[in-house]
Amino acid sequence: MGTFPRAGEVDVGSVGVEAVATLFIGMIRAQAQLECLMHPQARPSAAQKDRWVRLAVTTFLKAFGVARN
């Protein structure tokens, strides 16, 4: 996933840190929770979990990331 954003690389704007953190955690766990509820006998693979995390991080950075020059 590359490097973790350093100070100043994420702009939470008027949303606020707490709300943005809640949104991020929700993106990370939402799909897995839904899968477990809808298909309790199935277990997501490591690759599927990785995909969910990558999608959440990519979405988060597109929404709140600061463009690098």
N, C-alpha and C. Protein backbone atom coordinates (compact mmCIF):
# COMPACT_ATOMS: atom_id res chain seq x y z
N MET A 1 0.81 -1.20 0.00
CA MET A 1 0.00 0.00 0.00
C MET A 1 0.85 1.26 0.00
N GLY A 2 2.12 1.12 -0.05
CA GLY A 2 2.97 2.30 -0.05
C GLY A 2 3.21 2.80 1.36
N THR A 3 3.55 4.07 1.45
CA THR A 3 3.85 4.64 2.76
C THR A 3 2.62 5.23 3.39
N PHE A 4 2.60 5.21 4.70
CA PHE A 4 1.49 5.81 5.45
C PHE A 4 1.59 7.32 5.31
N PRO A 5 0.46 8.00 5.10
CA PRO A 5 0.51 9.46 4.95
C PRO A 5 1.13 10.14 6.17
N ARG A 6 2.02 11.06 5.90
CA ARG A 6 2.66 11.84 6.96
C ARG A 6 1.80 13.05 7.29
N ALA A 7 2.17 13.75 8.34
CA ALA A 7 1.45 14.95 8.76
C ALA A 7 1.27 15.89 7.57
N GLY A 8 0.07 16.39 7.39
CA GLY A 8 -0.22 17.31 6.32
C GLY A 8 -0.65 16.66 5.02
N GLU A 9 -0.63 15.34 4.94
CA GLU A 9 -1.01 14.67 3.70
C GLU A 9 -2.48 14.26 3.67
N VAL A 10 -3.16 14.44 4.80
CA VAL A 10 -4.59 14.14 4.88
C VAL A 10 -5.28 15.39 5.39
N ASP A 11 -6.32 15.82 4.68
CA ASP A 11 -7.07 17.01 5.06
C ASP A 11 -8.49 16.61 5.45
N VAL A 12 -8.79 16.64 6.75
CA VAL A 12 -10.12 16.27 7.21
C VAL A 12 -11.09 17.43 7.15
N GLY A 13 -10.57 18.62 6.86
CA GLY A 13 -11.42 19.79 6.67
C GLY A 13 -12.42 20.00 7.79
N SER A 14 -13.62 20.36 7.41
CA SER A 14 -14.68 20.64 8.39
C SER A 14 -15.31 19.36 8.95
N VAL A 15 -14.96 18.22 8.38
CA VAL A 15 -15.53 16.95 8.83
C VAL A 15 -15.01 16.60 10.22
N GLY A 16 -13.73 16.79 10.45
CA GLY A 16 -13.13 16.51 11.74
C GLY A 16 -12.49 15.14 11.82
N VAL A 17 -11.47 15.06 12.65
CA VAL A 17 -10.69 13.83 12.78
C VAL A 17 -11.54 12.66 13.24
N GLU A 18 -12.36 12.86 14.25
CA GLU A 18 -13.15 11.77 14.81
C GLU A 18 -14.13 11.20 13.78
N ALA A 19 -14.81 12.08 13.05
CA ALA A 19 -15.76 11.62 12.04
C ALA A 19 -15.06 10.90 10.90
N VAL A 20 -13.91 11.42 10.49
CA VAL A 20 -13.16 10.79 9.40
C VAL A 20 -12.64 9.42 9.84
N ALA A 21 -12.19 9.32 11.09
CA ALA A 21 -11.73 8.03 11.60
C ALA A 21 -12.87 7.02 11.63
N THR A 22 -14.06 7.47 12.03
CA THR A 22 -15.24 6.60 12.06
C THR A 22 -15.59 6.13 10.65
N LEU A 23 -15.53 7.03 9.69
CA LEU A 23 -15.80 6.66 8.30
C LEU A 23 -14.80 5.62 7.80
N PHE A 24 -13.53 5.83 8.11
CA PHE A 24 -12.49 4.90 7.66
C PHE A 24 -12.69 3.51 8.26
N ILE A 25 -12.90 3.45 9.56
CA ILE A 25 -13.11 2.16 10.22
C ILE A 25 -14.36 1.48 9.66
N GLY A 26 -15.40 2.26 9.40
CA GLY A 26 -16.62 1.71 8.81
C GLY A 26 -16.35 1.10 7.44
N MET A 27 -15.53 1.76 6.63
CA MET A 27 -15.20 1.20 5.32
C MET A 27 -14.41 -0.09 5.45
N ILE A 28 -13.53 -0.14 6.44
CA ILE A 28 -12.70 -1.34 6.62
C ILE A 28 -13.56 -2.54 7.02
N ARG A 29 -14.49 -2.34 7.94
CA ARG A 29 -15.22 -3.50 8.48
C ARG A 29 -16.58 -3.78 7.85
N ALA A 30 -17.16 -2.85 7.13
CA ALA A 30 -18.53 -3.00 6.63
C ALA A 30 -18.73 -4.23 5.74
N GLN A 31 -17.88 -4.40 4.74
CA GLN A 31 -18.06 -5.52 3.81
C GLN A 31 -17.87 -6.86 4.51
N ALA A 32 -16.87 -6.94 5.39
CA ALA A 32 -16.64 -8.19 6.11
C ALA A 32 -17.82 -8.54 7.01
N GLN A 33 -18.36 -7.54 7.69
CA GLN A 33 -19.52 -7.80 8.55
C GLN A 33 -20.72 -8.26 7.73
N LEU A 34 -20.95 -7.61 6.62
CA LEU A 34 -22.07 -7.98 5.75
C LEU A 34 -21.90 -9.41 5.24
N GLU A 35 -20.70 -9.75 4.80
CA GLU A 35 -20.43 -11.11 4.33
C GLU A 35 -20.71 -12.14 5.42
N CYS A 36 -20.25 -11.84 6.64
CA CYS A 36 -20.46 -12.77 7.76
C CYS A 36 -21.94 -12.93 8.10
N LEU A 37 -22.69 -11.86 8.00
CA LEU A 37 -24.13 -11.93 8.29
C LEU A 37 -24.89 -12.67 7.20
N MET A 38 -24.53 -12.40 5.95
CA MET A 38 -25.25 -13.00 4.83
C MET A 38 -24.80 -14.44 4.53
N HIS A 39 -23.55 -14.75 4.82
CA HIS A 39 -22.98 -16.06 4.51
C HIS A 39 -22.14 -16.54 5.70
N PRO A 40 -22.78 -16.87 6.82
CA PRO A 40 -22.02 -17.22 8.04
C PRO A 40 -21.12 -18.44 7.90
N GLN A 41 -21.39 -19.31 6.95
CA GLN A 41 -20.57 -20.50 6.77
C GLN A 41 -19.30 -20.20 5.97
N ALA A 42 -19.28 -19.12 5.23
CA ALA A 42 -18.13 -18.78 4.39
C ALA A 42 -17.11 -17.95 5.17
N ARG A 43 -15.86 -18.09 4.80
CA ARG A 43 -14.79 -17.31 5.39
C ARG A 43 -14.05 -16.60 4.26
N PRO A 44 -13.90 -15.28 4.36
CA PRO A 44 -13.18 -14.57 3.30
C PRO A 44 -11.70 -14.96 3.29
N SER A 45 -11.15 -15.04 2.12
CA SER A 45 -9.74 -15.38 1.98
C SER A 45 -8.87 -14.17 2.37
N ALA A 46 -7.61 -14.42 2.56
CA ALA A 46 -6.67 -13.33 2.85
C ALA A 46 -6.65 -12.34 1.69
N ALA A 47 -6.75 -12.85 0.47
CA ALA A 47 -6.75 -11.98 -0.71
C ALA A 47 -7.99 -11.08 -0.71
N GLN A 48 -9.14 -11.62 -0.34
CA GLN A 48 -10.36 -10.81 -0.29
C GLN A 48 -10.26 -9.74 0.78
N LYS A 49 -9.75 -10.10 1.95
CA LYS A 49 -9.57 -9.12 3.02
C LYS A 49 -8.62 -8.02 2.58
N ASP A 50 -7.54 -8.40 1.92
CA ASP A 50 -6.58 -7.43 1.41
C ASP A 50 -7.24 -6.48 0.41
N ARG A 51 -8.08 -7.02 -0.44
CA ARG A 51 -8.78 -6.20 -1.44
C ARG A 51 -9.69 -5.19 -0.76
N TRP A 52 -10.43 -5.62 0.26
CA TRP A 52 -11.32 -4.71 0.98
C TRP A 52 -10.54 -3.57 1.63
N VAL A 53 -9.40 -3.92 2.23
CA VAL A 53 -8.58 -2.88 2.88
C VAL A 53 -8.01 -1.93 1.84
N ARG A 54 -7.51 -2.46 0.74
CA ARG A 54 -6.96 -1.59 -0.31
C ARG A 54 -8.02 -0.64 -0.87
N LEU A 55 -9.22 -1.15 -1.08
CA LEU A 55 -10.31 -0.29 -1.58
C LEU A 55 -10.65 0.80 -0.57
N ALA A 56 -10.69 0.46 0.70
CA ALA A 56 -11.00 1.45 1.74
C ALA A 56 -9.91 2.52 1.80
N VAL A 57 -8.66 2.10 1.76
CA VAL A 57 -7.55 3.06 1.83
C VAL A 57 -7.54 3.95 0.59
N THR A 58 -7.72 3.36 -0.57
CA THR A 58 -7.76 4.15 -1.81
C THR A 58 -8.90 5.16 -1.78
N THR A 59 -10.08 4.73 -1.38
CA THR A 59 -11.23 5.62 -1.30
C THR A 59 -10.99 6.74 -0.30
N PHE A 60 -10.46 6.38 0.89
CA PHE A 60 -10.17 7.36 1.93
C PHE A 60 -9.19 8.42 1.43
N LEU A 61 -8.11 7.98 0.79
CA LEU A 61 -7.11 8.94 0.30
C LEU A 61 -7.63 9.80 -0.84
N LYS A 62 -8.51 9.26 -1.65
CA LYS A 62 -9.10 10.08 -2.72
C LYS A 62 -10.04 11.13 -2.13
N ALA A 63 -10.70 10.80 -1.04
CA ALA A 63 -11.62 11.75 -0.40
C ALA A 63 -10.89 12.77 0.45
N PHE A 64 -9.85 12.35 1.18
CA PHE A 64 -9.23 13.22 2.18
C PHE A 64 -7.75 13.46 1.95
N GLY A 65 -7.14 12.81 0.97
CA GLY A 65 -5.72 12.99 0.74
C GLY A 65 -5.42 14.34 0.10
N VAL A 66 -4.26 14.88 0.42
CA VAL A 66 -3.81 16.14 -0.14
C VAL A 66 -2.90 15.80 -1.32
N ALA A 67 -3.15 16.45 -2.46
CA ALA A 67 -2.36 16.19 -3.65
C ALA A 67 -0.90 16.55 -3.41
N ARG A 68 -0.01 15.67 -3.86
CA ARG A 68 1.43 15.92 -3.74
C ARG A 68 1.90 16.64 -4.98
N ASN A 69 2.82 17.56 -4.80
CA ASN A 69 3.39 18.30 -5.95
C ASN A 69 4.65 17.68 -6.41
